[in-house]
Structures are given as C-alpha cells and as structure tokens.
Amino acid sequence: MKIRHLATKPLRHKIINIICAARSRRSAWSHSGKRRIILCISLCLCGPARRSQFMNFVLTMVFIGAGGFVAMPQSPSKKLKEFSIQEVDNVSIDRLGNFYLVVKKSIVKKYDTDGNFMAEFSNADAYPITLLEPWNPLRIFVYCREQQKIVLLDHHLELLQTVSIEPSLAVEPYLVSPSVNNFWILDKADYSLKKIDFKTSRVLEEVSVKLVAEAEHDFTFLREYQNQLFLIDRKAGIDILSNLGKAIHTFPVRNARYLGFLGQEIYYLENGTIHFYDLYSEDRHELAVDPSAQFVLLTDERMVLIKKSSVEVWEYKP
C-alpha cells in the first residue's frame, strides 16, 4: 500500500501506524496480488478541523481496504420535538417510522415520525398489554397474556378483531408474536415455540427453546424477522434463533427492554449505549446517547429517546 502527498511527516507516520494495525486485522488486504493505493489529496492541514476531516477520510479508506464496515452512525444532530408523557412501559415502531408507546400498561399512543400525536387505543377493558407489534401499520398486533388473546387494530388504533388462544395450542401462552398470515406462541409450560396458522389454528411448526437447566427466565419479547426469531430473556440476554429453533447467537445483556430492527441490523440499548449488530456481516458498532434514556427507536431519519417522563425526537443519519 502506498500513501502519497501527505503534508506533514508526523501525520504520515500516524496514518501508516493505523494502516498497519488494520492490516494485521485482515490478512486479505493483498488478495489477487494487487496492492491497494490510497491517493490522499493535498490539503491545508494547518487547522485541527482540517486534520480531523483528513483523518476521517483516511480511516474510511482503510476500512474499505480491510473489508470492514464503513458506515458509522452519527450522533443525533438536531432535536425536533420534546414532550412530556407518563412513564412508558413498552414501545415499538412500524415500517413507516410511526412510533407507539404503551402507558399505564394498557393504553397505546401513536405518533408520527416527527413526534406528533396521531391516535390512541384507550383499551376500555384495561387489560395489561404484554406485547405490541405494529410493523404492519394496517394490522397492528397486540397480545394480552392475562386474557390469553390477540387484539388486532387498524392504522387509527380502532379495533379490527380479537382472537382467543385455544387451550389446545398452548398450556401457558407466555408470549405471542405475529408472522406473515401466522403467529408464534412461546409456551412457558415446556418452553416450546409454535407457529400457528391464523385462519385454521393449525400448528405449522414446533421447536423447543434450549435453556440452561435450573436457571431463571423472564421472557419479555418475541419477534420473527428475516426468517429468524429474536427472543429477549431479561435474566439471560437476547437470543437469535433460526426458524427451526437452532441457536445462532446470544448477546449476554441483562435487563434488555426492547430490540429494534433497522435494515439488516438489530440494535438494543444498554447503559446509555446503543449496540448495533449486522445480521449478515456480523459487524458491530456502538453509539452513546443520553444515559437517562430508557428506550430508543431508530429510523433512517429519526432517533426517538424515551425517558422516564419525556420523549425526544432527533434528526439522525445511520
């Protein structure tokens, strides 16, 4: 690898050290016998800002050559809206970027991408909401464990349908989550996962979740995404399973409250840091946010920070 037209000798040495470190990480730099050349434009590097921009450029080129990730999330740049709210119990987001908050354990509030209030599901029966999944904004999925029933809402959060979980399907239907024309049940009685046909109530698939013997478990989240299953156990971590139940990966993070999905990445919040994981390349990166945030929701343009008594909507570029 050659580096040309660097303005200062100390900076040249620093960049060479960075490249050498990156090269030691990845042995495939020189595949096909070709050397990579980074042509660095001659810049006026007299100011710290110029030097910083130049170093960012070089680091980007290094990561490209090393086969690592390039796109790094940027910190939110501009606060668009902030509003007060009662303490939030659960959150979710649909594919259009509208976000949903569960308050008082039974009321769902819907907001657009800029944080403007859109609708509310008042839940006249006041049954606690166990799981909320609005990824399909025309058919919002709500599961209530105490009633063992599924509630389907339209995009105005008006009731479409209720579906009771038949006792023959699960002894203890702890979590229920939607799939395409189907739904998944986590049966706590035997820790099995069953995929059920919505129309016929027929069991399409059944797998067992492999658990550590005699360990305590607190399952709070279940979702199918890109033919994989994602399960949060607040006492053990976040599990990624194949749709056959085979364990793919585990993140040993305690007390996770939500798992987000952004393209081919998943993300979760832990102690003021958003952790990202690419499902295909397995690259990871992190982004620090306000440590008082209890939940975070992301889109291609927005970051929503949910705190104990307020919600902030920020501009954001992944």
C-alpha atoms as a PDB file:
ATOM      1  CA  MET A   1       0.000   0.000   0.000  1.00  0.00           C
ATOM      2  CA  LYS A   2       1.295   3.433  -0.916  1.00  0.00           C
ATOM      3  CA  ILE A   3       0.419   6.776   0.618  1.00  0.00           C
ATOM      4  CA  ARG A   4       1.138   9.888  -1.396  1.00  0.00           C
ATOM      5  CA  HIS A   5       1.034  13.638  -0.884  1.00  0.00           C
ATOM      6  CA  LEU A   6       0.832  13.833   2.874  1.00  0.00           C
ATOM      7  CA  ALA A   7       1.512  17.313   4.145  1.00  0.00           C
ATOM      8  CA  THR A   8       3.255  16.595   7.432  1.00  0.00           C
ATOM      9  CA  LYS A   9       5.681  13.903   8.483  1.00  0.00           C
ATOM     10  CA  PRO A  10       4.131  13.243  11.953  1.00  0.00           C
ATOM     11  CA  LEU A  11       0.725  12.831  10.373  1.00  0.00           C
ATOM     12  CA  ARG A  12       2.180  10.476   7.759  1.00  0.00           C
ATOM     13  CA  HIS A  13       3.646   8.275  10.492  1.00  0.00           C
ATOM     14  CA  LYS A  14       0.348   8.255  12.366  1.00  0.00           C
ATOM     15  CA  ILE A  15      -1.597   7.148   9.306  1.00  0.00           C
ATOM     16  CA  ILE A  16       0.940   4.433   8.494  1.00  0.00           C
ATOM     17  CA  ASN A  17       0.540   3.063  12.025  1.00  0.00           C
ATOM     18  CA  ILE A  18      -3.234   2.989  11.636  1.00  0.00           C
ATOM     19  CA  ILE A  19      -2.975   1.169   8.331  1.00  0.00           C
ATOM     20  CA  CYS A  20      -0.527  -1.371   9.730  1.00  0.00           C
ATOM     21  CA  ALA A  21      -2.857  -2.083  12.637  1.00  0.00           C
ATOM     22  CA  ALA A  22      -5.790  -2.548  10.280  1.00  0.00           C
ATOM     23  CA  ARG A  23      -3.703  -4.732   8.004  1.00  0.00           C
ATOM     24  CA  SER A  24      -2.843  -7.043  10.871  1.00  0.00           C
ATOM     25  CA  ARG A  25      -6.593  -7.493  11.464  1.00  0.00           C
ATOM     26  CA  ARG A  26      -7.321  -8.671   8.000  1.00  0.00           C
ATOM     27  CA  SER A  27      -4.965 -10.826   6.004  1.00  0.00           C
ATOM     28  CA  ALA A  28      -6.969 -10.469   2.808  1.00  0.00           C
ATOM     29  CA  TRP A  29      -5.707  -6.984   2.016  1.00  0.00           C
ATOM     30  CA  SER A  30      -3.462  -8.148  -0.777  1.00  0.00           C
ATOM     31  CA  HIS A  31      -5.731 -10.691  -2.439  1.00  0.00           C
ATOM     32  CA  SER A  32      -5.082 -11.318  -6.154  1.00  0.00           C
ATOM     33  CA  GLY A  33      -1.574  -9.971  -5.636  1.00  0.00           C
ATOM     34  CA  LYS A  34      -2.684  -6.379  -6.045  1.00  0.00           C
ATOM     35  CA  ARG A  35      -1.562  -3.605  -3.797  1.00  0.00           C
ATOM     36  CA  ARG A  36      -4.103  -1.024  -2.722  1.00  0.00           C
ATOM     37  CA  ILE A  37      -3.189   2.641  -3.218  1.00  0.00           C
ATOM     38  CA  ILE A  38      -4.694   5.445  -1.195  1.00  0.00           C
ATOM     39  CA  LEU A  39      -4.312   8.722  -3.044  1.00  0.00           C
ATOM     40  CA  CYS A  40      -4.622  11.477  -0.484  1.00  0.00           C
ATOM     41  CA  ILE A  41      -5.477  14.907  -1.831  1.00  0.00           C
ATOM     42  CA  SER A  42      -3.068  17.586  -0.708  1.00  0.00           C
ATOM     43  CA  LEU A  43      -4.944  19.615   1.873  1.00  0.00           C
ATOM     44  CA  CYS A  44      -4.105  22.554   4.035  1.00  0.00           C
ATOM     45  CA  LEU A  45      -3.708  20.791   7.346  1.00  0.00           C
ATOM     46  CA  CYS A  46      -2.860  23.786   9.440  1.00  0.00           C
ATOM     47  CA  GLY A  47      -6.146  23.721  11.370  1.00  0.00           C
ATOM     48  CA  PRO A  48      -7.399  20.967  13.721  1.00  0.00           C
ATOM     49  CA  ALA A  49     -10.693  20.713  11.807  1.00  0.00           C
ATOM     50  CA  ARG A  50      -8.855  20.009   8.532  1.00  0.00           C
ATOM     51  CA  ARG A  51      -6.686  17.412  10.202  1.00  0.00           C
ATOM     52  CA  SER A  52      -9.777  15.750  11.668  1.00  0.00           C
ATOM     53  CA  GLN A  53     -11.512  15.650   8.286  1.00  0.00           C
ATOM     54  CA  PHE A  54      -8.400  14.234   6.661  1.00  0.00           C
ATOM     55  CA  MET A  55      -8.034  11.512   9.280  1.00  0.00           C
ATOM     56  CA  ASN A  56     -11.694  10.527   8.862  1.00  0.00           C
ATOM     57  CA  PHE A  57     -11.126  10.222   5.114  1.00  0.00           C
ATOM     58  CA  VAL A  58      -8.063   8.024   5.568  1.00  0.00           C
ATOM     59  CA  LEU A  59      -9.764   5.824   8.165  1.00  0.00           C
ATOM     60  CA  THR A  60     -12.655   5.304   5.783  1.00  0.00           C
ATOM     61  CA  MET A  61     -10.277   4.195   3.033  1.00  0.00           C
ATOM     62  CA  VAL A  62      -8.529   1.855   5.466  1.00  0.00           C
ATOM     63  CA  PHE A  63     -11.767   0.178   6.479  1.00  0.00           C
ATOM     64  CA  ILE A  64     -12.778  -0.256   2.841  1.00  0.00           C
ATOM     65  CA  GLY A  65      -9.461  -1.955   2.084  1.00  0.00           C
ATOM     66  CA  ALA A  66      -9.687  -4.102   5.180  1.00  0.00           C
ATOM     67  CA  GLY A  67     -13.137  -5.343   4.300  1.00  0.00           C
ATOM     68  CA  GLY A  68     -14.626  -3.939   7.490  1.00  0.00           C
ATOM     69  CA  PHE A  69     -17.656  -1.755   7.964  1.00  0.00           C
ATOM     70  CA  VAL A  70     -17.616   1.839   6.728  1.00  0.00           C
ATOM     71  CA  ALA A  71     -20.949   3.407   7.548  1.00  0.00           C
ATOM     72  CA  MET A  72     -20.871   4.568  11.144  1.00  0.00           C
ATOM     73  CA  PRO A  73     -23.931   6.009  12.871  1.00  0.00           C
ATOM     74  CA  GLN A  74     -23.787   9.687  13.628  1.00  0.00           C
ATOM     75  CA  SER A  75     -24.935  11.243  16.869  1.00  0.00           C
ATOM     76  CA  PRO A  76     -28.357  12.896  16.640  1.00  0.00           C
ATOM     77  CA  SER A  77     -27.770  16.397  15.309  1.00  0.00           C
ATOM     78  CA  LYS A  78     -30.930  18.397  15.958  1.00  0.00           C
ATOM     79  CA  LYS A  79     -33.779  18.000  18.416  1.00  0.00           C
ATOM     80  CA  LEU A  80     -37.068  18.300  16.537  1.00  0.00           C
ATOM     81  CA  LYS A  81     -39.532  17.825  19.358  1.00  0.00           C
ATOM     82  CA  GLU A  82     -39.813  17.078  23.055  1.00  0.00           C
ATOM     83  CA  PHE A  83     -42.959  16.367  25.006  1.00  0.00           C
ATOM     84  CA  SER A  84     -43.943  15.112  28.441  1.00  0.00           C
ATOM     85  CA  ILE A  85     -45.548  11.738  28.970  1.00  0.00           C
ATOM     86  CA  GLN A  86     -46.401   9.317  31.735  1.00  0.00           C
ATOM     87  CA  GLU A  87     -43.899   6.595  32.395  1.00  0.00           C
ATOM     88  CA  VAL A  88     -43.704   4.294  29.389  1.00  0.00           C
ATOM     89  CA  ASP A  89     -43.978   0.525  29.845  1.00  0.00           C
ATOM     90  CA  ASN A  90     -43.293  -0.595  26.294  1.00  0.00           C
ATOM     91  CA  VAL A  91     -42.506   0.815  22.853  1.00  0.00           C
ATOM     92  CA  SER A  92     -42.482  -0.174  19.211  1.00  0.00           C
ATOM     93  CA  ILE A  93     -42.259   1.272  15.705  1.00  0.00           C
ATOM     94  CA  ASP A  94     -43.867   0.475  12.351  1.00  0.00           C
ATOM     95  CA  ARG A  95     -42.259   0.226   8.921  1.00  0.00           C
ATOM     96  CA  LEU A  96     -43.316   3.815   8.096  1.00  0.00           C
ATOM     97  CA  GLY A  97     -41.446   5.258  11.088  1.00  0.00           C
ATOM     98  CA  ASN A  98     -44.515   5.975  13.228  1.00  0.00           C
ATOM     99  CA  PHE A  99     -43.821   5.044  16.835  1.00  0.00           C
ATOM    100  CA  TYR A 100     -46.039   3.645  19.583  1.00  0.00           C
ATOM    101  CA  LEU A 101     -45.870   3.974  23.356  1.00  0.00           C
ATOM    102  CA  VAL A 102     -47.669   1.840  25.937  1.00  0.00           C
ATOM    103  CA  VAL A 103     -48.553   3.830  29.076  1.00  0.00           C
ATOM    104  CA  LYS A 104     -50.402   2.728  32.208  1.00  0.00           C
ATOM    105  CA  LYS A 105     -49.636  -0.803  30.962  1.00  0.00           C
ATOM    106  CA  SER A 106     -52.815  -0.785  28.864  1.00  0.00           C
ATOM    107  CA  ILE A 107     -53.048   2.356  26.691  1.00  0.00           C
ATOM    108  CA  VAL A 108     -51.358   2.623  23.271  1.00  0.00           C
ATOM    109  CA  LYS A 109     -50.432   6.049  21.882  1.00  0.00           C
ATOM    110  CA  LYS A 110     -49.343   6.500  18.276  1.00  0.00           C
ATOM    111  CA  TYR A 111     -47.063   9.310  16.980  1.00  0.00           C
ATOM    112  CA  ASP A 112     -45.762  10.185  13.536  1.00  0.00           C
ATOM    113  CA  THR A 113     -42.072  10.385  12.633  1.00  0.00           C
ATOM    114  CA  ASP A 114     -41.816  13.955  13.960  1.00  0.00           C
ATOM    115  CA  GLY A 115     -43.455  13.139  17.280  1.00  0.00           C
ATOM    116  CA  ASN A 116     -46.921  14.497  16.502  1.00  0.00           C
ATOM    117  CA  PHE A 117     -49.759  12.652  18.230  1.00  0.00           C
ATOM    118  CA  MET A 118     -51.887  10.602  15.828  1.00  0.00           C
ATOM    119  CA  ALA A 119     -54.195   8.214  17.701  1.00  0.00           C
ATOM    120  CA  GLU A 120     -54.847   6.329  20.913  1.00  0.00           C
ATOM    121  CA  PHE A 121     -56.145   2.889  21.824  1.00  0.00           C
ATOM    122  CA  SER A 122     -57.837   3.521  25.163  1.00  0.00           C
ATOM    123  CA  ASN A 123     -58.425  -0.173  25.935  1.00  0.00           C
ATOM    124  CA  ALA A 124     -61.749   0.108  27.757  1.00  0.00           C
ATOM    125  CA  ASP A 125     -61.207  -3.248  29.496  1.00  0.00           C
ATOM    126  CA  ALA A 126     -57.822  -2.002  30.801  1.00  0.00           C
ATOM    127  CA  TYR A 127     -56.150  -5.376  30.317  1.00  0.00           C
ATOM    128  CA  PRO A 128     -52.337  -5.234  30.534  1.00  0.00           C
ATOM    129  CA  ILE A 129     -50.562  -5.305  27.178  1.00  0.00           C
ATOM    130  CA  THR A 130     -47.819  -7.918  27.079  1.00  0.00           C
ATOM    131  CA  LEU A 131     -46.511  -7.393  23.548  1.00  0.00           C
ATOM    132  CA  LEU A 132     -47.104  -4.740  20.881  1.00  0.00           C
ATOM    133  CA  GLU A 133     -46.022  -5.264  17.254  1.00  0.00           C
ATOM    134  CA  PRO A 134     -47.109  -2.632  14.705  1.00  0.00           C
ATOM    135  CA  TRP A 135     -44.607  -3.433  11.931  1.00  0.00           C
ATOM    136  CA  ASN A 136     -47.600  -3.804   9.613  1.00  0.00           C
ATOM    137  CA  PRO A 137     -49.271  -0.423  10.285  1.00  0.00           C
ATOM    138  CA  LEU A 138     -52.601  -1.595   8.818  1.00  0.00           C
ATOM    139  CA  ARG A 139     -52.837  -4.594  11.137  1.00  0.00           C
ATOM    140  CA  ILE A 140     -51.304  -3.735  14.499  1.00  0.00           C
ATOM    141  CA  PHE A 141     -50.767  -6.763  16.690  1.00  0.00           C
ATOM    142  CA  VAL A 142     -51.345  -6.671  20.458  1.00  0.00           C
ATOM    143  CA  TYR A 143     -51.051  -9.645  22.821  1.00  0.00           C
ATOM    144  CA  CYS A 144     -52.577  -9.717  26.300  1.00  0.00           C
ATOM    145  CA  ARG A 145     -51.279 -12.573  28.430  1.00  0.00           C
ATOM    146  CA  GLU A 146     -53.844 -12.307  31.239  1.00  0.00           C
ATOM    147  CA  GLN A 147     -56.737 -12.688  28.783  1.00  0.00           C
ATOM    148  CA  GLN A 148     -54.752 -15.038  26.519  1.00  0.00           C
ATOM    149  CA  LYS A 149     -55.993 -13.180  23.476  1.00  0.00           C
ATOM    150  CA  ILE A 150     -54.709 -11.330  20.439  1.00  0.00           C
ATOM    151  CA  VAL A 151     -56.101  -7.886  19.623  1.00  0.00           C
ATOM    152  CA  LEU A 152     -55.759  -6.544  16.074  1.00  0.00           C
ATOM    153  CA  LEU A 153     -56.026  -2.780  15.451  1.00  0.00           C
ATOM    154  CA  ASP A 154     -56.212  -0.700  12.273  1.00  0.00           C
ATOM    155  CA  HIS A 155     -53.972   2.285  11.499  1.00  0.00           C
ATOM    156  CA  HIS A 156     -56.293   4.536  13.547  1.00  0.00           C
ATOM    157  CA  LEU A 157     -55.912   2.135  16.508  1.00  0.00           C
ATOM    158  CA  GLU A 158     -59.531   1.096  16.111  1.00  0.00           C
ATOM    159  CA  LEU A 159     -60.418  -2.494  16.934  1.00  0.00           C
ATOM    160  CA  LEU A 160     -60.406  -4.896  13.990  1.00  0.00           C
ATOM    161  CA  GLN A 161     -60.585  -8.292  15.618  1.00  0.00           C
ATOM    162  CA  THR A 162     -59.881 -10.273  18.778  1.00  0.00           C
ATOM    163  CA  VAL A 163     -58.601 -13.834  18.698  1.00  0.00           C
ATOM    164  CA  SER A 164     -58.520 -16.089  21.763  1.00  0.00           C
ATOM    165  CA  ILE A 165     -55.639 -18.533  22.100  1.00  0.00           C
ATOM    166  CA  GLU A 166     -57.131 -22.008  22.106  1.00  0.00           C
ATOM    167  CA  PRO A 167     -56.078 -24.118  25.114  1.00  0.00           C
ATOM    168  CA  SER A 168     -55.104 -26.951  22.775  1.00  0.00           C
ATOM    169  CA  LEU A 169     -52.379 -24.763  21.259  1.00  0.00           C
ATOM    170  CA  ALA A 170     -50.509 -23.908  24.457  1.00  0.00           C
ATOM    171  CA  VAL A 171     -50.782 -24.682  28.151  1.00  0.00           C
ATOM    172  CA  GLU A 172     -49.270 -21.346  29.133  1.00  0.00           C
ATOM    173  CA  PRO A 173     -49.032 -18.948  26.140  1.00  0.00           C
ATOM    174  CA  TYR A 174     -46.474 -16.611  27.639  1.00  0.00           C
ATOM    175  CA  LEU A 175     -45.601 -14.579  24.527  1.00  0.00           C
ATOM    176  CA  VAL A 176     -47.397 -14.365  21.187  1.00  0.00           C
ATOM    177  CA  SER A 177     -45.992 -12.522  18.177  1.00  0.00           C
ATOM    178  CA  PRO A 178     -47.097 -12.127  14.522  1.00  0.00           C
ATOM    179  CA  SER A 179     -45.697 -13.752  11.418  1.00  0.00           C
ATOM    180  CA  VAL A 180     -46.951 -13.455   7.827  1.00  0.00           C
ATOM    181  CA  ASN A 181     -50.510 -14.863   7.970  1.00  0.00           C
ATOM    182  CA  ASN A 182     -49.490 -16.746  11.118  1.00  0.00           C
ATOM    183  CA  PHE A 183     -48.361 -16.146  14.676  1.00  0.00           C
ATOM    184  CA  TRP A 184     -45.796 -17.578  17.069  1.00  0.00           C
ATOM    185  CA  ILE A 185     -46.520 -18.795  20.605  1.00  0.00           C
ATOM    186  CA  LEU A 186     -43.929 -19.259  23.325  1.00  0.00           C
ATOM    187  CA  ASP A 187     -45.458 -21.860  25.646  1.00  0.00           C
ATOM    188  CA  LYS A 188     -43.885 -21.459  29.075  1.00  0.00           C
ATOM    189  CA  ALA A 189     -45.113 -24.875  30.179  1.00  0.00           C
ATOM    190  CA  ASP A 190     -42.472 -26.637  28.099  1.00  0.00           C
ATOM    191  CA  TYR A 191     -40.630 -23.650  26.543  1.00  0.00           C
ATOM    192  CA  SER A 192     -41.697 -24.620  23.067  1.00  0.00           C
ATOM    193  CA  LEU A 193     -42.165 -22.252  20.131  1.00  0.00           C
ATOM    194  CA  LYS A 194     -45.143 -22.985  17.906  1.00  0.00           C
ATOM    195  CA  LYS A 195     -46.047 -21.343  14.621  1.00  0.00           C
ATOM    196  CA  ILE A 196     -49.833 -21.223  14.220  1.00  0.00           C
ATOM    197  CA  ASP A 197     -51.919 -20.640  11.108  1.00  0.00           C
ATOM    198  CA  PHE A 198     -54.140 -17.636  11.771  1.00  0.00           C
ATOM    199  CA  LYS A 199     -57.146 -18.953   9.841  1.00  0.00           C
ATOM    200  CA  THR A 200     -57.146 -22.635  10.748  1.00  0.00           C
ATOM    201  CA  SER A 201     -55.343 -22.542  14.152  1.00  0.00           C
ATOM    202  CA  ARG A 202     -53.237 -25.425  12.878  1.00  0.00           C
ATOM    203  CA  VAL A 203     -49.703 -25.881  14.242  1.00  0.00           C
ATOM    204  CA  LEU A 204     -47.334 -25.365  11.310  1.00  0.00           C
ATOM    205  CA  GLU A 205     -44.035 -25.680  13.148  1.00  0.00           C
ATOM    206  CA  GLU A 206     -42.924 -26.570  16.653  1.00  0.00           C
ATOM    207  CA  VAL A 207     -39.444 -26.274  18.142  1.00  0.00           C
ATOM    208  CA  SER A 208     -38.008 -26.351  21.663  1.00  0.00           C
ATOM    209  CA  VAL A 209     -36.016 -23.475  23.135  1.00  0.00           C
ATOM    210  CA  LYS A 210     -32.814 -24.840  24.649  1.00  0.00           C
ATOM    211  CA  LEU A 211     -32.396 -23.375  28.129  1.00  0.00           C
ATOM    212  CA  VAL A 212     -29.808 -23.657  30.884  1.00  0.00           C
ATOM    213  CA  ALA A 213     -31.055 -26.180  33.436  1.00  0.00           C
ATOM    214  CA  GLU A 214     -32.486 -24.717  36.675  1.00  0.00           C
ATOM    215  CA  ALA A 215     -31.854 -21.136  35.510  1.00  0.00           C
ATOM    216  CA  GLU A 216     -34.469 -18.412  35.981  1.00  0.00           C
ATOM    217  CA  HIS A 217     -36.011 -16.837  32.898  1.00  0.00           C
ATOM    218  CA  ASP A 218     -38.039 -13.713  32.230  1.00  0.00           C
ATOM    219  CA  PHE A 219     -39.093 -13.637  28.575  1.00  0.00           C
ATOM    220  CA  THR A 220     -40.428 -10.231  27.509  1.00  0.00           C
ATOM    221  CA  PHE A 221     -40.057 -10.013  23.723  1.00  0.00           C
ATOM    222  CA  LEU A 222     -40.513 -12.269  20.705  1.00  0.00           C
ATOM    223  CA  ARG A 223     -40.336 -11.377  17.043  1.00  0.00           C
ATOM    224  CA  GLU A 224     -39.750 -13.014  13.671  1.00  0.00           C
ATOM    225  CA  TYR A 225     -37.567 -11.004  11.287  1.00  0.00           C
ATOM    226  CA  GLN A 226     -35.891 -12.114   8.057  1.00  0.00           C
ATOM    227  CA  ASN A 227     -36.629 -15.783   8.759  1.00  0.00           C
ATOM    228  CA  GLN A 228     -35.083 -15.654  12.198  1.00  0.00           C
ATOM    229  CA  LEU A 229     -36.589 -15.497  15.689  1.00  0.00           C
ATOM    230  CA  PHE A 230     -35.490 -12.975  18.300  1.00  0.00           C
ATOM    231  CA  LEU A 231     -36.181 -13.589  21.957  1.00  0.00           C
ATOM    232  CA  ILE A 232     -35.398 -11.380  24.944  1.00  0.00           C
ATOM    233  CA  ASP A 233     -34.814 -13.026  28.306  1.00  0.00           C
ATOM    234  CA  ARG A 234     -34.166 -10.193  30.765  1.00  0.00           C
ATOM    235  CA  LYS A 235     -32.293 -12.553  33.090  1.00  0.00           C
ATOM    236  CA  ALA A 236     -30.057 -14.117  30.432  1.00  0.00           C
ATOM    237  CA  GLY A 237     -29.829 -11.994  27.287  1.00  0.00           C
ATOM    238  CA  ILE A 238     -31.016 -11.666  23.708  1.00  0.00           C
ATOM    239  CA  ASP A 239     -31.199 -14.859  21.636  1.00  0.00           C
ATOM    240  CA  ILE A 240     -31.242 -15.167  17.858  1.00  0.00           C
ATOM    241  CA  LEU A 241     -32.750 -18.446  16.676  1.00  0.00           C
ATOM    242  CA  SER A 242     -33.327 -19.970  13.279  1.00  0.00           C
ATOM    243  CA  ASN A 243     -36.952 -20.683  12.398  1.00  0.00           C
ATOM    244  CA  LEU A 244     -36.101 -24.287  13.309  1.00  0.00           C
ATOM    245  CA  GLY A 245     -35.163 -23.243  16.833  1.00  0.00           C
ATOM    246  CA  LYS A 246     -31.404 -23.590  16.409  1.00  0.00           C
ATOM    247  CA  ALA A 247     -29.415 -21.057  18.425  1.00  0.00           C
ATOM    248  CA  ILE A 248     -27.486 -18.681  16.153  1.00  0.00           C
ATOM    249  CA  HIS A 249     -26.202 -16.045  18.546  1.00  0.00           C
ATOM    250  CA  THR A 250     -26.693 -14.797  22.100  1.00  0.00           C
ATOM    251  CA  PHE A 251     -25.996 -11.335  23.487  1.00  0.00           C
ATOM    252  CA  PRO A 252     -25.412 -11.694  27.250  1.00  0.00           C
ATOM    253  CA  VAL A 253     -27.090  -8.407  28.157  1.00  0.00           C
ATOM    254  CA  ARG A 254     -29.219  -8.284  31.294  1.00  0.00           C
ATOM    255  CA  ASN A 255     -32.489  -6.349  31.623  1.00  0.00           C
ATOM    256  CA  ALA A 256     -32.867  -5.554  27.919  1.00  0.00           C
ATOM    257  CA  ARG A 257     -36.306  -3.995  27.385  1.00  0.00           C
ATOM    258  CA  TYR A 258     -36.547  -3.724  23.619  1.00  0.00           C
ATOM    259  CA  LEU A 259     -34.847  -4.929  20.449  1.00  0.00           C
ATOM    260  CA  GLY A 260     -35.010  -2.751  17.337  1.00  0.00           C
ATOM    261  CA  PHE A 261     -34.618  -3.621  13.645  1.00  0.00           C
ATOM    262  CA  LEU A 262     -33.130  -1.292  11.049  1.00  0.00           C
ATOM    263  CA  GLY A 263     -32.494  -2.843   7.646  1.00  0.00           C
ATOM    264  CA  GLN A 264     -30.131  -5.750   8.147  1.00  0.00           C
ATOM    265  CA  GLU A 265     -29.092  -4.523  11.590  1.00  0.00           C
ATOM    266  CA  ILE A 266     -30.577  -5.059  15.008  1.00  0.00           C
ATOM    267  CA  TYR A 267     -29.965  -2.709  17.918  1.00  0.00           C
ATOM    268  CA  TYR A 268     -30.536  -2.557  21.649  1.00  0.00           C
ATOM    269  CA  LEU A 269     -29.899  -0.042  24.421  1.00  0.00           C
ATOM    270  CA  GLU A 270     -27.655  -0.800  27.371  1.00  0.00           C
ATOM    271  CA  ASN A 271     -26.437   1.736  29.959  1.00  0.00           C
ATOM    272  CA  GLY A 272     -26.609   4.761  27.655  1.00  0.00           C
ATOM    273  CA  THR A 273     -25.096   2.988  24.633  1.00  0.00           C
ATOM    274  CA  ILE A 274     -26.873   1.719  21.524  1.00  0.00           C
ATOM    275  CA  HIS A 275     -25.327  -1.549  20.365  1.00  0.00           C
ATOM    276  CA  PHE A 276     -25.688  -2.416  16.663  1.00  0.00           C
ATOM    277  CA  TYR A 277     -25.224  -5.847  15.119  1.00  0.00           C
ATOM    278  CA  ASP A 278     -25.314  -6.663  11.401  1.00  0.00           C
ATOM    279  CA  LEU A 279     -27.173  -9.934  10.846  1.00  0.00           C
ATOM    280  CA  TYR A 280     -25.149 -10.806   7.734  1.00  0.00           C
ATOM    281  CA  SER A 281     -21.635  -9.411   8.137  1.00  0.00           C
ATOM    282  CA  GLU A 282     -21.710  -9.730  11.968  1.00  0.00           C
ATOM    283  CA  ASP A 283     -20.098  -6.292  12.212  1.00  0.00           C
ATOM    284  CA  ARG A 284     -20.771  -4.411  15.437  1.00  0.00           C
ATOM    285  CA  HIS A 285     -20.624  -0.782  16.409  1.00  0.00           C
ATOM    286  CA  GLU A 286     -21.917   1.452  19.168  1.00  0.00           C
ATOM    287  CA  LEU A 287     -23.365   4.908  19.689  1.00  0.00           C
ATOM    288  CA  ALA A 288     -23.525   6.740  23.016  1.00  0.00           C
ATOM    289  CA  VAL A 289     -26.768   8.526  23.898  1.00  0.00           C
ATOM    290  CA  ASP A 290     -28.247  10.221  26.955  1.00  0.00           C
ATOM    291  CA  PRO A 291     -27.867   7.656  29.779  1.00  0.00           C
ATOM    292  CA  SER A 292     -31.280   8.633  31.164  1.00  0.00           C
ATOM    293  CA  ALA A 293     -32.979   7.135  28.085  1.00  0.00           C
ATOM    294  CA  GLN A 294     -34.971   4.005  28.900  1.00  0.00           C
ATOM    295  CA  PHE A 295     -35.868   3.123  25.305  1.00  0.00           C
ATOM    296  CA  VAL A 296     -34.577   4.120  21.878  1.00  0.00           C
ATOM    297  CA  LEU A 297     -36.260   3.811  18.475  1.00  0.00           C
ATOM    298  CA  LEU A 298     -34.473   4.402  15.163  1.00  0.00           C
ATOM    299  CA  THR A 299     -35.375   5.020  11.522  1.00  0.00           C
ATOM    300  CA  ASP A 300     -33.296   6.179   8.561  1.00  0.00           C
ATOM    301  CA  GLU A 301     -34.014   9.776   9.585  1.00  0.00           C
ATOM    302  CA  ARG A 302     -35.078   9.860  13.233  1.00  0.00           C
ATOM    303  CA  MET A 303     -33.957   8.845  16.685  1.00  0.00           C
ATOM    304  CA  VAL A 304     -36.581   8.717  19.429  1.00  0.00           C
ATOM    305  CA  LEU A 305     -35.330   8.735  23.014  1.00  0.00           C
ATOM    306  CA  ILE A 306     -37.926   7.725  25.589  1.00  0.00           C
ATOM    307  CA  LYS A 307     -37.089   8.807  29.124  1.00  0.00           C
ATOM    308  CA  LYS A 308     -38.932   8.416  32.401  1.00  0.00           C
ATOM    309  CA  SER A 309     -41.302  11.337  31.854  1.00  0.00           C
ATOM    310  CA  SER A 310     -40.458  12.741  28.415  1.00  0.00           C
ATOM    311  CA  VAL A 311     -39.899  11.834  24.767  1.00  0.00           C
ATOM    312  CA  GLU A 312     -37.322  13.447  22.467  1.00  0.00           C
ATOM    313  CA  VAL A 313     -37.345  13.219  18.657  1.00  0.00           C
ATOM    314  CA  TRP A 314     -33.994  13.934  16.945  1.00  0.00           C
ATOM    315  CA  GLU A 315     -32.701  14.097  13.421  1.00  0.00           C
ATOM    316  CA  TYR A 316     -30.497  11.093  12.799  1.00  0.00           C
ATOM    317  CA  LYS A 317     -28.477   9.597   9.953  1.00  0.00           C
ATOM    318  CA  PRO A 318     -27.336   5.975  10.252  1.00  0.00           C
END
